[in-house]
Amino acid sequence: MENHEKAEQKQHKRFLFKAGGILVILSFVFYGGLLLVPFLPVSTATKVTISASLVILGEISIWLGGLILGKEIINKYKNKFNMFRKRKKGM
């Protein structure tokens, strides 16, 4: 019975990791969508509403994804993609 519980916990962790990653990626999609808004054939008021909605959705998804993934994973990837960090010599 104990092995079954461990397997369920592992599966649950894997699901949360994937869900958090999807939310973070989705936030980039929302922010990327902002680049397309000026070219939509709708009124200016509608463009403002769409833009505000995309920003709000982007923020919500990145914060939820960050909360699910946890501090360690967010810092790991933030440091990996930080172009201003000092690189070790020989790399």
N, C-alpha and C. Protein backbone atom coordinates (compact mmCIF):
# COMPACT_ATOMS: atom_id res chain seq x y z
N MET A 1 0.82 -1.18 0.00
CA MET A 1 0.00 0.00 0.00
C MET A 1 0.87 1.25 0.00
N GLU A 2 2.00 1.20 0.67
CA GLU A 2 2.88 2.35 0.77
C GLU A 2 3.48 2.70 -0.59
N ASN A 3 3.82 1.69 -1.38
CA ASN A 3 4.38 1.93 -2.71
C ASN A 3 3.36 2.60 -3.62
N HIS A 4 2.10 2.22 -3.46
CA HIS A 4 1.04 2.81 -4.26
C HIS A 4 0.90 4.30 -3.95
N GLU A 5 0.99 4.66 -2.67
CA GLU A 5 0.90 6.06 -2.26
C GLU A 5 2.09 6.87 -2.80
N LYS A 6 3.28 6.28 -2.77
CA LYS A 6 4.46 6.96 -3.30
C LYS A 6 4.33 7.17 -4.80
N ALA A 7 3.80 6.19 -5.48
CA ALA A 7 3.60 6.31 -6.93
C ALA A 7 2.60 7.41 -7.25
N GLU A 8 1.55 7.49 -6.45
CA GLU A 8 0.55 8.55 -6.66
C GLU A 8 1.15 9.92 -6.39
N GLN A 9 1.96 10.04 -5.35
CA GLN A 9 2.62 11.31 -5.04
C GLN A 9 3.55 11.72 -6.17
N LYS A 10 4.29 10.77 -6.71
CA LYS A 10 5.22 11.05 -7.79
C LYS A 10 4.46 11.50 -9.04
N GLN A 11 3.35 10.83 -9.31
CA GLN A 11 2.54 11.19 -10.46
C GLN A 11 1.92 12.58 -10.26
N HIS A 12 1.50 12.89 -9.05
CA HIS A 12 0.93 14.20 -8.74
C HIS A 12 1.99 15.30 -8.92
N LYS A 13 3.21 15.05 -8.45
CA LYS A 13 4.29 16.03 -8.61
C LYS A 13 4.60 16.27 -10.08
N ARG A 14 4.63 15.19 -10.85
CA ARG A 14 4.90 15.29 -12.28
C ARG A 14 3.81 16.13 -12.97
N PHE A 15 2.56 15.89 -12.58
CA PHE A 15 1.45 16.66 -13.15
C PHE A 15 1.58 18.14 -12.81
N LEU A 16 1.90 18.44 -11.55
CA LEU A 16 2.04 19.84 -11.14
C LEU A 16 3.20 20.52 -11.88
N PHE A 17 4.29 19.78 -12.07
CA PHE A 17 5.43 20.33 -12.79
C PHE A 17 5.05 20.68 -14.22
N LYS A 18 4.34 19.77 -14.88
CA LYS A 18 3.90 20.04 -16.25
C LYS A 18 2.91 21.19 -16.30
N ALA A 19 1.97 21.23 -15.36
CA ALA A 19 0.98 22.30 -15.33
C ALA A 19 1.65 23.66 -15.11
N GLY A 20 2.60 23.71 -14.20
CA GLY A 20 3.33 24.96 -13.94
C GLY A 20 4.12 25.41 -15.16
N GLY A 21 4.77 24.46 -15.81
CA GLY A 21 5.53 24.79 -17.03
C GLY A 21 4.62 25.29 -18.14
N ILE A 22 3.47 24.67 -18.29
CA ILE A 22 2.52 25.11 -19.32
C ILE A 22 2.03 26.51 -19.02
N LEU A 23 1.77 26.81 -17.76
CA LEU A 23 1.32 28.16 -17.40
C LEU A 23 2.39 29.21 -17.69
N VAL A 24 3.63 28.89 -17.41
CA VAL A 24 4.71 29.84 -17.68
C VAL A 24 4.85 30.06 -19.19
N ILE A 25 4.82 28.99 -19.95
CA ILE A 25 4.91 29.10 -21.41
C ILE A 25 3.71 29.87 -21.96
N LEU A 26 2.55 29.61 -21.40
CA LEU A 26 1.34 30.30 -21.83
C LEU A 26 1.43 31.80 -21.60
N SER A 27 2.12 32.20 -20.53
CA SER A 27 2.29 33.63 -20.28
C SER A 27 3.08 34.29 -21.40
N PHE A 28 4.07 33.60 -21.94
CA PHE A 28 4.83 34.14 -23.07
C PHE A 28 3.95 34.25 -24.31
N VAL A 29 3.05 33.31 -24.48
CA VAL A 29 2.11 33.36 -25.61
C VAL A 29 1.20 34.57 -25.47
N PHE A 30 0.70 34.81 -24.26
CA PHE A 30 -0.16 35.98 -24.05
C PHE A 30 0.58 37.28 -24.34
N TYR A 31 1.80 37.39 -23.83
CA TYR A 31 2.56 38.61 -24.08
C TYR A 31 2.95 38.72 -25.55
N GLY A 32 3.23 37.61 -26.19
CA GLY A 32 3.53 37.63 -27.63
C GLY A 32 2.32 38.07 -28.45
N GLY A 33 1.15 37.73 -27.96
CA GLY A 33 -0.08 38.15 -28.64
C GLY A 33 -0.23 39.66 -28.68
N LEU A 34 0.41 40.35 -27.75
CA LEU A 34 0.35 41.81 -27.76
C LEU A 34 0.94 42.39 -29.04
N LEU A 35 1.89 41.70 -29.63
CA LEU A 35 2.51 42.19 -30.86
C LEU A 35 1.54 42.17 -32.04
N LEU A 36 0.52 41.33 -31.96
CA LEU A 36 -0.44 41.21 -33.06
C LEU A 36 -1.63 42.16 -32.93
N VAL A 37 -1.88 42.64 -31.74
CA VAL A 37 -3.07 43.46 -31.48
C VAL A 37 -3.16 44.69 -32.38
N PRO A 38 -2.07 45.45 -32.63
CA PRO A 38 -2.21 46.64 -33.48
C PRO A 38 -2.68 46.35 -34.90
N PHE A 39 -2.49 45.14 -35.36
CA PHE A 39 -2.84 44.79 -36.73
C PHE A 39 -4.25 44.21 -36.86
N LEU A 40 -4.97 44.10 -35.77
CA LEU A 40 -6.33 43.56 -35.83
C LEU A 40 -7.28 44.60 -36.43
N PRO A 41 -8.23 44.13 -37.24
CA PRO A 41 -9.17 45.07 -37.87
C PRO A 41 -10.36 45.39 -36.96
N VAL A 42 -10.08 45.93 -35.79
CA VAL A 42 -11.13 46.28 -34.83
C VAL A 42 -10.90 47.71 -34.36
N SER A 43 -11.84 48.25 -33.62
CA SER A 43 -11.73 49.62 -33.14
C SER A 43 -10.61 49.75 -32.10
N THR A 44 -10.21 50.98 -31.85
CA THR A 44 -9.15 51.26 -30.89
C THR A 44 -9.57 50.83 -29.48
N ALA A 45 -10.81 51.05 -29.13
CA ALA A 45 -11.29 50.66 -27.80
C ALA A 45 -11.20 49.14 -27.62
N THR A 46 -11.52 48.41 -28.67
CA THR A 46 -11.43 46.94 -28.60
C THR A 46 -9.98 46.51 -28.48
N LYS A 47 -9.08 47.18 -29.20
CA LYS A 47 -7.65 46.85 -29.12
C LYS A 47 -7.12 47.08 -27.71
N VAL A 48 -7.56 48.17 -27.08
CA VAL A 48 -7.14 48.46 -25.70
C VAL A 48 -7.65 47.37 -24.76
N THR A 49 -8.89 46.95 -24.95
CA THR A 49 -9.47 45.89 -24.11
C THR A 49 -8.73 44.57 -24.30
N ILE A 50 -8.43 44.23 -25.55
CA ILE A 50 -7.70 42.99 -25.83
C ILE A 50 -6.31 43.05 -25.21
N SER A 51 -5.64 44.19 -25.37
CA SER A 51 -4.28 44.34 -24.82
C SER A 51 -4.28 44.20 -23.30
N ALA A 52 -5.21 44.87 -22.66
CA ALA A 52 -5.29 44.78 -21.20
C ALA A 52 -5.58 43.36 -20.75
N SER A 53 -6.46 42.68 -21.47
CA SER A 53 -6.79 41.29 -21.13
C SER A 53 -5.58 40.38 -21.29
N LEU A 54 -4.81 40.59 -22.36
CA LEU A 54 -3.61 39.76 -22.57
C LEU A 54 -2.57 39.99 -21.48
N VAL A 55 -2.40 41.23 -21.06
CA VAL A 55 -1.43 41.52 -19.99
C VAL A 55 -1.89 40.88 -18.68
N ILE A 56 -3.16 41.01 -18.36
CA ILE A 56 -3.68 40.43 -17.12
C ILE A 56 -3.55 38.91 -17.15
N LEU A 57 -3.93 38.29 -18.27
CA LEU A 57 -3.80 36.83 -18.38
C LEU A 57 -2.34 36.39 -18.30
N GLY A 58 -1.45 37.17 -18.92
CA GLY A 58 -0.02 36.85 -18.87
C GLY A 58 0.52 36.89 -17.45
N GLU A 59 0.14 37.92 -16.72
CA GLU A 59 0.60 38.05 -15.33
C GLU A 59 0.04 36.94 -14.45
N ILE A 60 -1.23 36.67 -14.60
CA ILE A 60 -1.85 35.61 -13.79
C ILE A 60 -1.19 34.27 -14.07
N SER A 61 -0.97 33.97 -15.35
CA SER A 61 -0.40 32.66 -15.66
C SER A 61 1.05 32.53 -15.21
N ILE A 62 1.84 33.60 -15.32
CA ILE A 62 3.24 33.47 -14.89
C ILE A 62 3.34 33.37 -13.37
N TRP A 63 2.48 34.08 -12.65
CA TRP A 63 2.51 33.98 -11.19
C TRP A 63 2.02 32.62 -10.71
N LEU A 64 0.95 32.12 -11.31
CA LEU A 64 0.46 30.80 -10.91
C LEU A 64 1.48 29.72 -11.25
N GLY A 65 2.07 29.82 -12.44
CA GLY A 65 3.10 28.85 -12.83
C GLY A 65 4.29 28.90 -11.89
N GLY A 66 4.69 30.11 -11.51
CA GLY A 66 5.81 30.26 -10.58
C GLY A 66 5.50 29.69 -9.21
N LEU A 67 4.28 29.89 -8.76
CA LEU A 67 3.89 29.33 -7.46
C LEU A 67 3.87 27.80 -7.50
N ILE A 68 3.39 27.25 -8.59
CA ILE A 68 3.33 25.79 -8.71
C ILE A 68 4.73 25.20 -8.84
N LEU A 69 5.57 25.80 -9.67
CA LEU A 69 6.91 25.25 -9.90
C LEU A 69 7.81 25.44 -8.69
N GLY A 70 7.67 26.53 -8.01
CA GLY A 70 8.49 26.75 -6.83
C GLY A 70 9.69 27.63 -7.11
N LYS A 71 10.24 28.14 -6.05
CA LYS A 71 11.33 29.11 -6.11
C LYS A 71 12.58 28.52 -6.75
N GLU A 72 12.91 27.29 -6.44
CA GLU A 72 14.15 26.70 -6.93
C GLU A 72 14.17 26.59 -8.45
N ILE A 73 13.09 26.13 -9.02
CA ILE A 73 13.05 25.93 -10.47
C ILE A 73 13.01 27.27 -11.19
N ILE A 74 12.26 28.23 -10.66
CA ILE A 74 12.22 29.55 -11.28
C ILE A 74 13.61 30.18 -11.27
N ASN A 75 14.31 30.12 -10.16
CA ASN A 75 15.66 30.68 -10.08
C ASN A 75 16.62 29.95 -11.01
N LYS A 76 16.47 28.66 -11.14
CA LYS A 76 17.34 27.86 -12.02
C LYS A 76 17.23 28.36 -13.46
N TYR A 77 16.01 28.51 -13.94
CA TYR A 77 15.82 28.94 -15.32
C TYR A 77 16.09 30.43 -15.50
N LYS A 78 15.81 31.22 -14.49
CA LYS A 78 16.11 32.64 -14.57
C LYS A 78 17.61 32.84 -14.71
N ASN A 79 18.40 32.11 -13.94
CA ASN A 79 19.85 32.22 -14.02
C ASN A 79 20.38 31.65 -15.33
N LYS A 80 19.74 30.62 -15.83
CA LYS A 80 20.18 29.99 -17.07
C LYS A 80 20.03 30.93 -18.26
N PHE A 81 18.95 31.73 -18.27
CA PHE A 81 18.68 32.60 -19.40
C PHE A 81 19.06 34.06 -19.15
N ASN A 82 19.71 34.34 -18.03
CA ASN A 82 20.12 35.70 -17.72
C ASN A 82 21.37 36.03 -18.53
N MET A 83 21.25 36.94 -19.49
CA MET A 83 22.39 37.23 -20.36
C MET A 83 23.39 38.18 -19.72
N PHE A 84 23.09 38.73 -18.55
CA PHE A 84 24.00 39.64 -17.88
C PHE A 84 24.85 38.97 -16.80
N ARG A 85 24.61 37.68 -16.57
CA ARG A 85 25.39 37.01 -15.52
C ARG A 85 26.81 36.79 -15.99
N LYS A 86 27.71 36.69 -15.04
CA LYS A 86 29.11 36.45 -15.38
C LYS A 86 29.27 34.99 -15.75
N ARG A 87 29.94 34.76 -16.83
CA ARG A 87 30.20 33.39 -17.28
C ARG A 87 31.56 32.94 -16.77
N LYS A 88 31.66 31.65 -16.55
CA LYS A 88 32.94 31.11 -16.11
C LYS A 88 33.92 31.14 -17.28
N LYS A 89 35.17 31.35 -16.97
CA LYS A 89 36.19 31.35 -18.03
C LYS A 89 36.30 29.96 -18.60
N GLY A 90 36.52 29.90 -19.91
CA GLY A 90 36.65 28.62 -20.56
C GLY A 90 35.35 28.12 -21.16
N MET A 91 34.27 28.88 -21.01
CA MET A 91 32.97 28.47 -21.57
C MET A 91 32.71 29.18 -22.87
